PDB file of N, CA and C in Angstrom:
ATOM      1  N   MET A   1       0.851  -1.169   0.000  1.00  0.00           N
ATOM      2  CA  MET A   1       0.000   0.000   0.000  1.00  0.00           C
ATOM      3  C   MET A   1       0.901   1.238   0.000  1.00  0.00           C
ATOM      4  N   GLN A   2       0.543   2.203  -0.805  1.00  0.00           N
ATOM      5  CA  GLN A   2       1.365   3.399  -1.000  1.00  0.00           C
ATOM      6  C   GLN A   2       0.736   4.640  -0.374  1.00  0.00           C
ATOM      7  N   LEU A   3       0.213   4.491   0.817  1.00  0.00           N
ATOM      8  CA  LEU A   3      -0.515   5.579   1.463  1.00  0.00           C
ATOM      9  C   LEU A   3       0.376   6.789   1.737  1.00  0.00           C
ATOM     10  N   ARG A   4       1.541   6.554   2.297  1.00  0.00           N
ATOM     11  CA  ARG A   4       2.421   7.681   2.637  1.00  0.00           C
ATOM     12  C   ARG A   4       2.858   8.443   1.391  1.00  0.00           C
ATOM     13  N   ALA A   5       3.252   7.710   0.360  1.00  0.00           N
ATOM     14  CA  ALA A   5       3.699   8.364  -0.870  1.00  0.00           C
ATOM     15  C   ALA A   5       2.586   9.217  -1.467  1.00  0.00           C
ATOM     16  N   GLU A   6       1.366   8.698  -1.446  1.00  0.00           N
ATOM     17  CA  GLU A   6       0.239   9.457  -1.996  1.00  0.00           C
ATOM     18  C   GLU A   6      -0.084  10.660  -1.112  1.00  0.00           C
ATOM     19  N   ARG A   7      -0.032  10.494   0.200  1.00  0.00           N
ATOM     20  CA  ARG A   7      -0.262  11.613   1.114  1.00  0.00           C
ATOM     21  C   ARG A   7       0.741  12.731   0.849  1.00  0.00           C
ATOM     22  N   GLU A   8       2.008  12.354   0.734  1.00  0.00           N
ATOM     23  CA  GLU A   8       3.055  13.357   0.497  1.00  0.00           C
ATOM     24  C   GLU A   8       2.902  14.001  -0.877  1.00  0.00           C
ATOM     25  N   ARG A   9       2.547  13.201  -1.875  1.00  0.00           N
ATOM     26  CA  ARG A   9       2.354  13.739  -3.225  1.00  0.00           C
ATOM     27  C   ARG A   9       1.235  14.780  -3.244  1.00  0.00           C
ATOM     28  N   LEU A  10       0.198  14.529  -2.448  1.00  0.00           N
ATOM     29  CA  LEU A  10      -0.935  15.452  -2.391  1.00  0.00           C
ATOM     30  C   LEU A  10      -0.685  16.645  -1.469  1.00  0.00           C
ATOM     31  N   GLY A  11       0.438  16.631  -0.755  1.00  0.00           N
ATOM     32  CA  GLY A  11       0.826  17.779   0.060  1.00  0.00           C
ATOM     33  C   GLY A  11       0.244  17.826   1.460  1.00  0.00           C
ATOM     34  N   TYR A  12      -0.204  16.695   1.963  1.00  0.00           N
ATOM     35  CA  TYR A  12      -0.751  16.649   3.320  1.00  0.00           C
ATOM     36  C   TYR A  12       0.325  16.226   4.310  1.00  0.00           C
ATOM     37  N   THR A  13       0.313  16.863   5.471  1.00  0.00           N
ATOM     38  CA  THR A  13       1.155  16.372   6.559  1.00  0.00           C
ATOM     39  C   THR A  13       0.443  15.164   7.163  1.00  0.00           C
ATOM     40  N   ARG A  14       1.163  14.420   7.949  1.00  0.00           N
ATOM     41  CA  ARG A  14       0.556  13.269   8.616  1.00  0.00           C
ATOM     42  C   ARG A  14      -0.581  13.734   9.534  1.00  0.00           C
ATOM     43  N   ASP A  15      -0.351  14.828  10.245  1.00  0.00           N
ATOM     44  CA  ASP A  15      -1.382  15.355  11.147  1.00  0.00           C
ATOM     45  C   ASP A  15      -2.645  15.760  10.383  1.00  0.00           C
ATOM     46  N   GLN A  16      -2.462  16.419   9.252  1.00  0.00           N
ATOM     47  CA  GLN A  16      -3.617  16.854   8.463  1.00  0.00           C
ATOM     48  C   GLN A  16      -4.424  15.661   7.949  1.00  0.00           C
ATOM     49  N   ALA A  17      -3.740  14.675   7.411  1.00  0.00           N
ATOM     50  CA  ALA A  17      -4.428  13.495   6.874  1.00  0.00           C
ATOM     51  C   ALA A  17      -5.140  12.731   7.981  1.00  0.00           C
ATOM     52  N   ALA A  18      -4.484  12.602   9.123  1.00  0.00           N
ATOM     53  CA  ALA A  18      -5.092  11.890  10.252  1.00  0.00           C
ATOM     54  C   ALA A  18      -6.346  12.613  10.729  1.00  0.00           C
ATOM     55  N   GLU A  19      -6.268  13.928  10.818  1.00  0.00           N
ATOM     56  CA  GLU A  19      -7.428  14.708  11.265  1.00  0.00           C
ATOM     57  C   GLU A  19      -8.606  14.534  10.311  1.00  0.00           C
ATOM     58  N   ARG A  20      -8.335  14.536   9.010  1.00  0.00           N
ATOM     59  CA  ARG A  20      -9.397  14.370   8.015  1.00  0.00           C
ATOM     60  C   ARG A  20     -10.061  12.995   8.119  1.00  0.00           C
ATOM     61  N   ALA A  21      -9.312  11.995   8.593  1.00  0.00           N
ATOM     62  CA  ALA A  21      -9.854  10.637   8.722  1.00  0.00           C
ATOM     63  C   ALA A  21     -10.335  10.343  10.136  1.00  0.00           C
ATOM     64  N   ASP A  22     -10.208  11.315  11.016  1.00  0.00           N
ATOM     65  CA  ASP A  22     -10.634  11.171  12.410  1.00  0.00           C
ATOM     66  C   ASP A  22      -9.888  10.035  13.123  1.00  0.00           C
ATOM     67  N   ILE A  23      -8.568  10.003  12.901  1.00  0.00           N
ATOM     68  CA  ILE A  23      -7.696   9.051  13.600  1.00  0.00           C
ATOM     69  C   ILE A  23      -6.502   9.823  14.142  1.00  0.00           C
ATOM     70  N   THR A  24      -5.713   9.200  14.988  1.00  0.00           N
ATOM     71  CA  THR A  24      -4.524   9.877  15.509  1.00  0.00           C
ATOM     72  C   THR A  24      -3.395   9.806  14.488  1.00  0.00           C
ATOM     73  N   SER A  25      -2.507  10.778  14.555  1.00  0.00           N
ATOM     74  CA  SER A  25      -1.354  10.757  13.649  1.00  0.00           C
ATOM     75  C   SER A  25      -0.439   9.583  13.981  1.00  0.00           C
ATOM     76  N   ARG A  26      -0.429   9.168  15.232  1.00  0.00           N
ATOM     77  CA  ARG A  26       0.369   8.005  15.628  1.00  0.00           C
ATOM     78  C   ARG A  26      -0.158   6.734  14.942  1.00  0.00           C
ATOM     79  N   TYR A  27      -1.480   6.596  14.893  1.00  0.00           N
ATOM     80  CA  TYR A  27      -2.088   5.440  14.226  1.00  0.00           C
ATOM     81  C   TYR A  27      -1.797   5.485  12.729  1.00  0.00           C
ATOM     82  N   LEU A  28      -1.892   6.674  12.131  1.00  0.00           N
ATOM     83  CA  LEU A  28      -1.576   6.815  10.711  1.00  0.00           C
ATOM     84  C   LEU A  28      -0.119   6.446  10.452  1.00  0.00           C
ATOM     85  N   ALA A  29       0.776   6.865  11.322  1.00  0.00           N
ATOM     86  CA  ALA A  29       2.191   6.513  11.168  1.00  0.00           C
ATOM     87  C   ALA A  29       2.361   4.997  11.191  1.00  0.00           C
ATOM     88  N   ALA A  30       1.667   4.332  12.101  1.00  0.00           N
ATOM     89  CA  ALA A  30       1.762   2.870  12.194  1.00  0.00           C
ATOM     90  C   ALA A  30       1.230   2.207  10.928  1.00  0.00           C
ATOM     91  N   ILE A  31       0.175   2.768  10.348  1.00  0.00           N
ATOM     92  CA  ILE A  31      -0.364   2.235   9.091  1.00  0.00           C
ATOM     93  C   ILE A  31       0.661   2.418   7.980  1.00  0.00           C
ATOM     94  N   GLU A  32       1.208   3.623   7.879  1.00  0.00           N
ATOM     95  CA  GLU A  32       2.170   3.919   6.813  1.00  0.00           C
ATOM     96  C   GLU A  32       3.433   3.077   6.927  1.00  0.00           C
ATOM     97  N   LEU A  33       3.823   2.740   8.128  1.00  0.00           N
ATOM     98  CA  LEU A  33       5.026   1.932   8.336  1.00  0.00           C
ATOM     99  C   LEU A  33       4.751   0.433   8.235  1.00  0.00           C
ATOM    100  N   GLY A  34       3.500   0.067   8.028  1.00  0.00           N
ATOM    101  CA  GLY A  34       3.144  -1.339   7.907  1.00  0.00           C
ATOM    102  C   GLY A  34       3.031  -2.057   9.232  1.00  0.00           C
ATOM    103  N   GLU A  35       3.021  -1.304  10.316  1.00  0.00           N
ATOM    104  CA  GLU A  35       2.906  -1.909  11.647  1.00  0.00           C
ATOM    105  C   GLU A  35       1.461  -2.249  11.985  1.00  0.00           C
ATOM    106  N   LYS A  36       0.528  -1.531  11.391  1.00  0.00           N
ATOM    107  CA  LYS A  36      -0.907  -1.757  11.604  1.00  0.00           C
ATOM    108  C   LYS A  36      -1.589  -1.863  10.248  1.00  0.00           C
ATOM    109  N   ILE A  37      -2.626  -2.673  10.194  1.00  0.00           N
ATOM    110  CA  ILE A  37      -3.443  -2.781   8.992  1.00  0.00           C
ATOM    111  C   ILE A  37      -4.787  -2.133   9.312  1.00  0.00           C
ATOM    112  N   PRO A  38      -5.138  -1.082   8.566  1.00  0.00           N
ATOM    113  CA  PRO A  38      -6.382  -0.383   8.889  1.00  0.00           C
ATOM    114  C   PRO A  38      -7.611  -1.184   8.470  1.00  0.00           C
ATOM    115  N   LYS A  39      -8.695  -0.986   9.205  1.00  0.00           N
ATOM    116  CA  LYS A  39      -9.968  -1.560   8.780  1.00  0.00           C
ATOM    117  C   LYS A  39     -10.407  -0.810   7.530  1.00  0.00           C
ATOM    118  N   ALA A  40     -11.294  -1.419   6.780  1.00  0.00           N
ATOM    119  CA  ALA A  40     -11.734  -0.839   5.509  1.00  0.00           C
ATOM    120  C   ALA A  40     -12.305   0.563   5.679  1.00  0.00           C
ATOM    121  N   ASP A  41     -13.094   0.782   6.726  1.00  0.00           N
ATOM    122  CA  ASP A  41     -13.709   2.100   6.901  1.00  0.00           C
ATOM    123  C   ASP A  41     -12.664   3.184   7.159  1.00  0.00           C
ATOM    124  N   VAL A  42     -11.607   2.840   7.865  1.00  0.00           N
ATOM    125  CA  VAL A  42     -10.531   3.806   8.129  1.00  0.00           C
ATOM    126  C   VAL A  42      -9.790   4.117   6.835  1.00  0.00           C
ATOM    127  N   LEU A  43      -9.505   3.090   6.055  1.00  0.00           N
ATOM    128  CA  LEU A  43      -8.814   3.295   4.786  1.00  0.00           C
ATOM    129  C   LEU A  43      -9.654   4.173   3.859  1.00  0.00           C
ATOM    130  N   VAL A  44     -10.947   3.922   3.815  1.00  0.00           N
ATOM    131  CA  VAL A  44     -11.843   4.742   2.989  1.00  0.00           C
ATOM    132  C   VAL A  44     -11.828   6.195   3.462  1.00  0.00           C
ATOM    133  N   LYS A  45     -11.873   6.418   4.772  1.00  0.00           N
ATOM    134  CA  LYS A  45     -11.826   7.787   5.309  1.00  0.00           C
ATOM    135  C   LYS A  45     -10.522   8.483   4.921  1.00  0.00           C
ATOM    136  N   LEU A  46      -9.417   7.753   5.006  1.00  0.00           N
ATOM    137  CA  LEU A  46      -8.124   8.342   4.642  1.00  0.00           C
ATOM    138  C   LEU A  46      -8.095   8.717   3.168  1.00  0.00           C
ATOM    139  N   ILE A  47      -8.508   7.796   2.322  1.00  0.00           N
ATOM    140  CA  ILE A  47      -8.467   8.035   0.878  1.00  0.00           C
ATOM    141  C   ILE A  47      -9.395   9.188   0.499  1.00  0.00           C
ATOM    142  N   ARG A  48     -10.613   9.156   0.998  1.00  0.00           N
ATOM    143  CA  ARG A  48     -11.575  10.230   0.681  1.00  0.00           C
ATOM    144  C   ARG A  48     -11.147  11.564   1.282  1.00  0.00           C
ATOM    145  N   GLY A  49     -10.646  11.523   2.505  1.00  0.00           N
ATOM    146  CA  GLY A  49     -10.237  12.751   3.175  1.00  0.00           C
ATOM    147  C   GLY A  49      -9.135  13.496   2.448  1.00  0.00           C
ATOM    148  N   MET A  50      -8.265  12.754   1.791  1.00  0.00           N
ATOM    149  CA  MET A  50      -7.173  13.381   1.047  1.00  0.00           C
ATOM    150  C   MET A  50      -7.534  13.608  -0.419  1.00  0.00           C
ATOM    151  N   GLY A  51      -8.669  13.038  -0.842  1.00  0.00           N
ATOM    152  CA  GLY A  51      -9.018  13.137  -2.258  1.00  0.00           C
ATOM    153  C   GLY A  51      -8.079  12.303  -3.104  1.00  0.00           C
ATOM    154  N   ALA A  52      -7.599  11.216  -2.530  1.00  0.00           N
ATOM    155  CA  ALA A  52      -6.636  10.349  -3.212  1.00  0.00           C
ATOM    156  C   ALA A  52      -7.355   9.326  -4.083  1.00  0.00           C
ATOM    157  N   SER A  53      -6.606   8.687  -4.940  1.00  0.00           N
ATOM    158  CA  SER A  53      -7.127   7.606  -5.767  1.00  0.00           C
ATOM    159  C   SER A  53      -6.947   6.289  -5.021  1.00  0.00           C
ATOM    160  N   ALA A  54      -8.037   5.550  -4.845  1.00  0.00           N
ATOM    161  CA  ALA A  54      -7.946   4.251  -4.178  1.00  0.00           C
ATOM    162  C   ALA A  54      -7.033   3.311  -4.957  1.00  0.00           C
ATOM    163  N   ASN A  55      -7.105   3.366  -6.279  1.00  0.00           N
ATOM    164  CA  ASN A  55      -6.248   2.493  -7.088  1.00  0.00           C
ATOM    165  C   ASN A  55      -4.776   2.788  -6.846  1.00  0.00           C
ATOM    166  N   THR A  56      -4.437   4.058  -6.766  1.00  0.00           N
ATOM    167  CA  THR A  56      -3.042   4.426  -6.533  1.00  0.00           C
ATOM    168  C   THR A  56      -2.575   3.951  -5.168  1.00  0.00           C
ATOM    169  N   VAL A  57      -3.401   4.160  -4.162  1.00  0.00           N
ATOM    170  CA  VAL A  57      -3.021   3.789  -2.795  1.00  0.00           C
ATOM    171  C   VAL A  57      -2.931   2.278  -2.635  1.00  0.00           C
ATOM    172  N   ILE A  58      -3.904   1.554  -3.152  1.00  0.00           N
ATOM    173  CA  ILE A  58      -3.994   0.120  -2.893  1.00  0.00           C
ATOM    174  C   ILE A  58      -3.191  -0.715  -3.881  1.00  0.00           C
ATOM    175  N   TYR A  59      -3.224  -0.364  -5.157  1.00  0.00           N
ATOM    176  CA  TYR A  59      -2.654  -1.243  -6.172  1.00  0.00           C
ATOM    177  C   TYR A  59      -1.283  -0.838  -6.680  1.00  0.00           C
ATOM    178  N   ALA A  60      -0.727   0.265  -6.223  1.00  0.00           N
ATOM    179  CA  ALA A  60       0.583   0.700  -6.717  1.00  0.00           C
ATOM    180  C   ALA A  60       1.649  -0.346  -6.458  1.00  0.00           C
ATOM    181  N   SER A  61       1.643  -0.968  -5.282  1.00  0.00           N
ATOM    182  CA  SER A  61       2.663  -1.972  -4.982  1.00  0.00           C
ATOM    183  C   SER A  61       2.491  -3.202  -5.859  1.00  0.00           C
ATOM    184  N   GLN A  62       1.253  -3.536  -6.236  1.00  0.00           N
ATOM    185  CA  GLN A  62       1.025  -4.659  -7.144  1.00  0.00           C
ATOM    186  C   GLN A  62       1.611  -4.344  -8.512  1.00  0.00           C
ATOM    187  N   GLN A  63       1.457  -3.098  -8.967  1.00  0.00           N
ATOM    188  CA  GLN A  63       2.016  -2.702 -10.255  1.00  0.00           C
ATOM    189  C   GLN A  63       3.535  -2.807 -10.226  1.00  0.00           C
ATOM    190  N   GLU A  64       4.151  -2.397  -9.109  1.00  0.00           N
ATOM    191  CA  GLU A  64       5.601  -2.512  -8.980  1.00  0.00           C
ATOM    192  C   GLU A  64       6.027  -3.974  -9.048  1.00  0.00           C
ATOM    193  N   ALA A  65       5.275  -4.858  -8.404  1.00  0.00           N
ATOM    194  CA  ALA A  65       5.589  -6.288  -8.433  1.00  0.00           C
ATOM    195  C   ALA A  65       5.443  -6.823  -9.850  1.00  0.00           C
ATOM    196  N   ASP A  66       4.382  -6.402 -10.555  1.00  0.00           N
ATOM    197  CA  ASP A  66       4.180  -6.842 -11.933  1.00  0.00           C
ATOM    198  C   ASP A  66       5.327  -6.377 -12.822  1.00  0.00           C
ATOM    199  N   ASP A  67       5.771  -5.139 -12.634  1.00  0.00           N
ATOM    200  CA  ASP A  67       6.887  -4.610 -13.419  1.00  0.00           C
ATOM    201  C   ASP A  67       8.156  -5.420 -13.173  1.00  0.00           C
ATOM    202  N   GLU A  68       8.400  -5.790 -11.918  1.00  0.00           N
ATOM    203  CA  GLU A  68       9.586  -6.578 -11.582  1.00  0.00           C
ATOM    204  C   GLU A  68       9.496  -7.971 -12.202  1.00  0.00           C
ATOM    205  N   CYS A  69       8.315  -8.564 -12.190  1.00  0.00           N
ATOM    206  CA  CYS A  69       8.129  -9.882 -12.808  1.00  0.00           C
ATOM    207  C   CYS A  69       8.393  -9.815 -14.312  1.00  0.00           C
ATOM    208  N   GLU A  70       7.905  -8.760 -14.947  1.00  0.00           N
ATOM    209  CA  GLU A  70       8.151  -8.593 -16.381  1.00  0.00           C
ATOM    210  C   GLU A  70       9.639  -8.440 -16.663  1.00  0.00           C
ATOM    211  N   ARG A  71      10.334  -7.680 -15.831  1.00  0.00           N
ATOM    212  CA  ARG A  71      11.782  -7.500 -16.005  1.00  0.00           C
ATOM    213  C   ARG A  71      12.507  -8.830 -15.868  1.00  0.00           C
ATOM    214  N   LEU A  72      12.140  -9.607 -14.849  1.00  0.00           N
ATOM    215  CA  LEU A  72      12.772 -10.912 -14.658  1.00  0.00           C
ATOM    216  C   LEU A  72      12.474 -11.849 -15.820  1.00  0.00           C
ATOM    217  N   ALA A  73      11.260 -11.803 -16.339  1.00  0.00           N
ATOM    218  CA  ALA A  73      10.901 -12.654 -17.480  1.00  0.00           C
ATOM    219  C   ALA A  73      11.729 -12.285 -18.708  1.00  0.00           C
ATOM    220  N   ARG A  74      11.906 -10.979 -18.945  1.00  0.00           N
ATOM    221  CA  ARG A  74      12.729 -10.555 -20.091  1.00  0.00           C
ATOM    222  C   ARG A  74      14.162 -11.052 -19.945  1.00  0.00           C
ATOM    223  N   LEU A  75      14.720 -10.926 -18.745  1.00  0.00           N
ATOM    224  CA  LEU A  75      16.085 -11.401 -18.509  1.00  0.00           C
ATOM    225  C   LEU A  75      16.181 -12.910 -18.685  1.00  0.00           C
ATOM    226  N   PHE A  76      15.195 -13.620 -18.153  1.00  0.00           N
ATOM    227  CA  PHE A  76      15.180 -15.080 -18.223  1.00  0.00           C
ATOM    228  C   PHE A  76      15.143 -15.548 -19.682  1.00  0.00           C
ATOM    229  N   LEU A  77      14.370 -14.859 -20.512  1.00  0.00           N
ATOM    230  CA  LEU A  77      14.255 -15.245 -21.920  1.00  0.00           C
ATOM    231  C   LEU A  77      15.550 -15.020 -22.696  1.00  0.00           C
ATOM    232  N   GLN A  78      16.426 -14.192 -22.179  1.00  0.00           N
ATOM    233  CA  GLN A  78      17.710 -13.950 -22.835  1.00  0.00           C
ATOM    234  C   GLN A  78      18.735 -15.037 -22.507  1.00  0.00           C
ATOM    235  N   CYS A  79      18.420 -15.889 -21.560  1.00  0.00           N
ATOM    236  CA  CYS A  79      19.351 -16.920 -21.104  1.00  0.00           C
ATOM    237  C   CYS A  79      19.316 -18.148 -22.007  1.00  0.00           C
ATOM    238  N   THR A  80      20.419 -18.870 -21.981  1.00  0.00           N
ATOM    239  CA  THR A  80      20.474 -20.154 -22.682  1.00  0.00           C
ATOM    240  C   THR A  80      19.684 -21.181 -21.869  1.00  0.00           C
ATOM    241  N   PRO A  81      19.319 -22.309 -22.481  1.00  0.00           N
ATOM    242  CA  PRO A  81      18.620 -23.352 -21.720  1.00  0.00           C
ATOM    243  C   PRO A  81      19.408 -23.797 -20.483  1.00  0.00           C
ATOM    244  N   ARG A  82      20.708 -23.896 -20.609  1.00  0.00           N
ATOM    245  CA  ARG A  82      21.539 -24.297 -19.466  1.00  0.00           C
ATOM    246  C   ARG A  82      21.464 -23.261 -18.344  1.00  0.00           C
ATOM    247  N   GLU A  83      21.540 -21.973 -18.713  1.00  0.00           N
ATOM    248  CA  GLU A  83      21.444 -20.903 -17.718  1.00  0.00           C
ATOM    249  C   GLU A  83      20.064 -20.892 -17.048  1.00  0.00           C
ATOM    250  N   ARG A  84      19.021 -21.176 -17.823  1.00  0.00           N
ATOM    251  CA  ARG A  84      17.668 -21.219 -17.260  1.00  0.00           C
ATOM    252  C   ARG A  84      17.540 -22.318 -16.216  1.00  0.00           C
ATOM    253  N   LYS A  85      18.118 -23.479 -16.498  1.00  0.00           N
ATOM    254  CA  LYS A  85      18.079 -24.580 -15.527  1.00  0.00           C
ATOM    255  C   LYS A  85      18.819 -24.193 -14.253  1.00  0.00           C
ATOM    256  N   LEU A  86      19.954 -23.546 -14.408  1.00  0.00           N
ATOM    257  CA  LEU A  86      20.737 -23.113 -13.260  1.00  0.00           C
ATOM    258  C   LEU A  86      19.955 -22.082 -12.429  1.00  0.00           C
ATOM    259  N   ILE A  87      19.344 -21.125 -13.098  1.00  0.00           N
ATOM    260  CA  ILE A  87      18.547 -20.107 -12.399  1.00  0.00           C
ATOM    261  C   ILE A  87      17.384 -20.752 -11.662  1.00  0.00           C
ATOM    262  N   ALA A  88      16.701 -21.683 -12.305  1.00  0.00           N
ATOM    263  CA  ALA A  88      15.576 -22.375 -11.664  1.00  0.00           C
ATOM    264  C   ALA A  88      16.047 -23.138 -10.430  1.00  0.00           C
ATOM    265  N   ALA A  89      17.202 -23.775 -10.518  1.00  0.00           N
ATOM    266  CA  ALA A  89      17.738 -24.514  -9.370  1.00  0.00           C
ATOM    267  C   ALA A  89      18.086 -23.564  -8.222  1.00  0.00           C
ATOM    268  N   ILE A  90      18.638 -22.416  -8.549  1.00  0.00           N
ATOM    269  CA  ILE A  90      18.975 -21.423  -7.522  1.00  0.00           C
ATOM    270  C   ILE A  90      17.701 -20.930  -6.831  1.00  0.00           C
ATOM    271  N   ILE A  91      16.682 -20.627  -7.621  1.00  0.00           N
ATOM    272  CA  ILE A  91      15.414 -20.159  -7.046  1.00  0.00           C
ATOM    273  C   ILE A  91      14.802 -21.234  -6.160  1.00  0.00           C
ATOM    274  N   ASP A  92      14.806 -22.485  -6.625  1.00  0.00           N
ATOM    275  CA  ASP A  92      14.283 -23.592  -5.809  1.00  0.00           C
ATOM    276  C   ASP A  92      15.012 -23.682  -4.473  1.00  0.00           C
ATOM    277  N   THR A  93      16.328 -23.550  -4.506  1.00  0.00           N
ATOM    278  CA  THR A  93      17.131 -23.630  -3.285  1.00  0.00           C
ATOM    279  C   THR A  93      16.773 -22.499  -2.323  1.00  0.00           C
ATOM    280  N   ILE A  94      16.657 -21.297  -2.855  1.00  0.00           N
ATOM    281  CA  ILE A  94      16.305 -20.143  -2.020  1.00  0.00           C
ATOM    282  C   ILE A  94      14.927 -20.333  -1.392  1.00  0.00           C
ATOM    283  N   LEU A  95      13.950 -20.743  -2.191  1.00  0.00           N
ATOM    284  CA  LEU A  95      12.592 -20.935  -1.670  1.00  0.00           C
ATOM    285  C   LEU A  95      12.541 -22.048  -0.637  1.00  0.00           C
ATOM    286  N   ASP A  96      13.259 -23.143  -0.884  1.00  0.00           N
ATOM    287  CA  ASP A  96      13.303 -24.236   0.092  1.00  0.00           C
ATOM    288  C   ASP A  96      13.881 -23.747   1.415  1.00  0.00           C
ATOM    289  N   GLN A  97      14.935 -22.951   1.348  1.00  0.00           N
ATOM    290  CA  GLN A  97      15.562 -22.418   2.556  1.00  0.00           C
ATOM    291  C   GLN A  97      14.587 -21.540   3.332  1.00  0.00           C
ATOM    292  N   HIS A  98      13.873 -20.676   2.618  1.00  0.00           N
ATOM    293  CA  HIS A  98      12.898 -19.803   3.287  1.00  0.00           C
ATOM    294  C   HIS A  98      11.765 -20.602   3.905  1.00  0.00           C
ATOM    295  N   ARG A  99      11.321 -21.637   3.222  1.00  0.00           N
ATOM    296  CA  ARG A  99      10.244 -22.469   3.772  1.00  0.00           C
ATOM    297  C   ARG A  99      10.703 -23.164   5.046  1.00  0.00           C
ATOM    298  N   GLN A 100      11.949 -23.621   5.062  1.00  0.00           N
ATOM    299  CA  GLN A 100      12.478 -24.288   6.256  1.00  0.00           C
ATOM    300  C   GLN A 100      12.585 -23.305   7.418  1.00  0.00           C
ATOM    301  N   GLU A 101      12.968 -22.075   7.127  1.00  0.00           N
ATOM    302  CA  GLU A 101      13.090 -21.058   8.176  1.00  0.00           C
ATOM    303  C   GLU A 101      11.725 -20.663   8.720  1.00  0.00           C
ATOM    304  N   ASP A 102      10.700 -20.694   7.854  1.00  0.00           N
ATOM    305  CA  ASP A 102       9.354 -20.299   8.265  1.00  0.00           C
ATOM    306  C   ASP A 102       8.587 -21.404   8.969  1.00  0.00           C
ATOM    307  N   THR A 103       9.033 -22.657   8.824  1.00  0.00           N
ATOM    308  CA  THR A 103       8.335 -23.785   9.429  1.00  0.00           C
ATOM    309  C   THR A 103       8.912 -24.061  10.807  1.00  0.00           C
ATOM    310  N   PRO A 104       8.073 -24.025  11.848  1.00  0.00           N
ATOM    311  CA  PRO A 104       8.588 -24.319  13.194  1.00  0.00           C
ATOM    312  C   PRO A 104       8.994 -25.783  13.300  1.00  0.00           C
ATOM    313  N   ASP A 105      10.015 -26.023  14.086  1.00  0.00           N
ATOM    314  CA  ASP A 105      10.470 -27.397  14.296  1.00  0.00           C
ATOM    315  C   ASP A 105       9.391 -28.178  15.019  1.00  0.00           C
ATOM    316  N   GLU A 106       9.139 -29.382  14.528  1.00  0.00           N
ATOM    317  CA  GLU A 106       8.171 -30.251  15.192  1.00  0.00           C
ATOM    318  C   GLU A 106       8.927 -31.205  16.090  1.00  0.00           C
ATOM    319  N   LYS A 107       8.442 -31.351  17.298  1.00  0.00           N
ATOM    320  CA  LYS A 107       9.081 -32.273  18.233  1.00  0.00           C
ATOM    321  C   LYS A 107       8.162 -33.457  18.425  1.00  0.00           C
ATOM    322  N   ALA A 108       8.725 -34.630  18.322  1.00  0.00           N
ATOM    323  CA  ALA A 108       7.921 -35.854  18.445  1.00  0.00           C
ATOM    324  C   ALA A 108       7.738 -36.243  19.885  1.00  0.00           C
TER     325      ALA A 108
END
């Protein structure tokens, strides 16, 4: 979510945006930092209060992810079949490692 970037682009201080949404600036800071996830009604108040675009606030990060995926696909297509196999193996290894780190140890 790109709430802070949109708030700054529109020229609102954190205090001003929070006041328009009837929330504290501390709560808004926590939302912008990803520490809190706002309920839908709060998000709507923030977006409407600033006159922001919901698509920009909510979907901007998805667009960035899509752009990165397209870039990786273009690079991947430039590789030889051997390089593609190597890249796939590296990605598999990285993902396996992350899955192991995220899975708590089971004790019998």
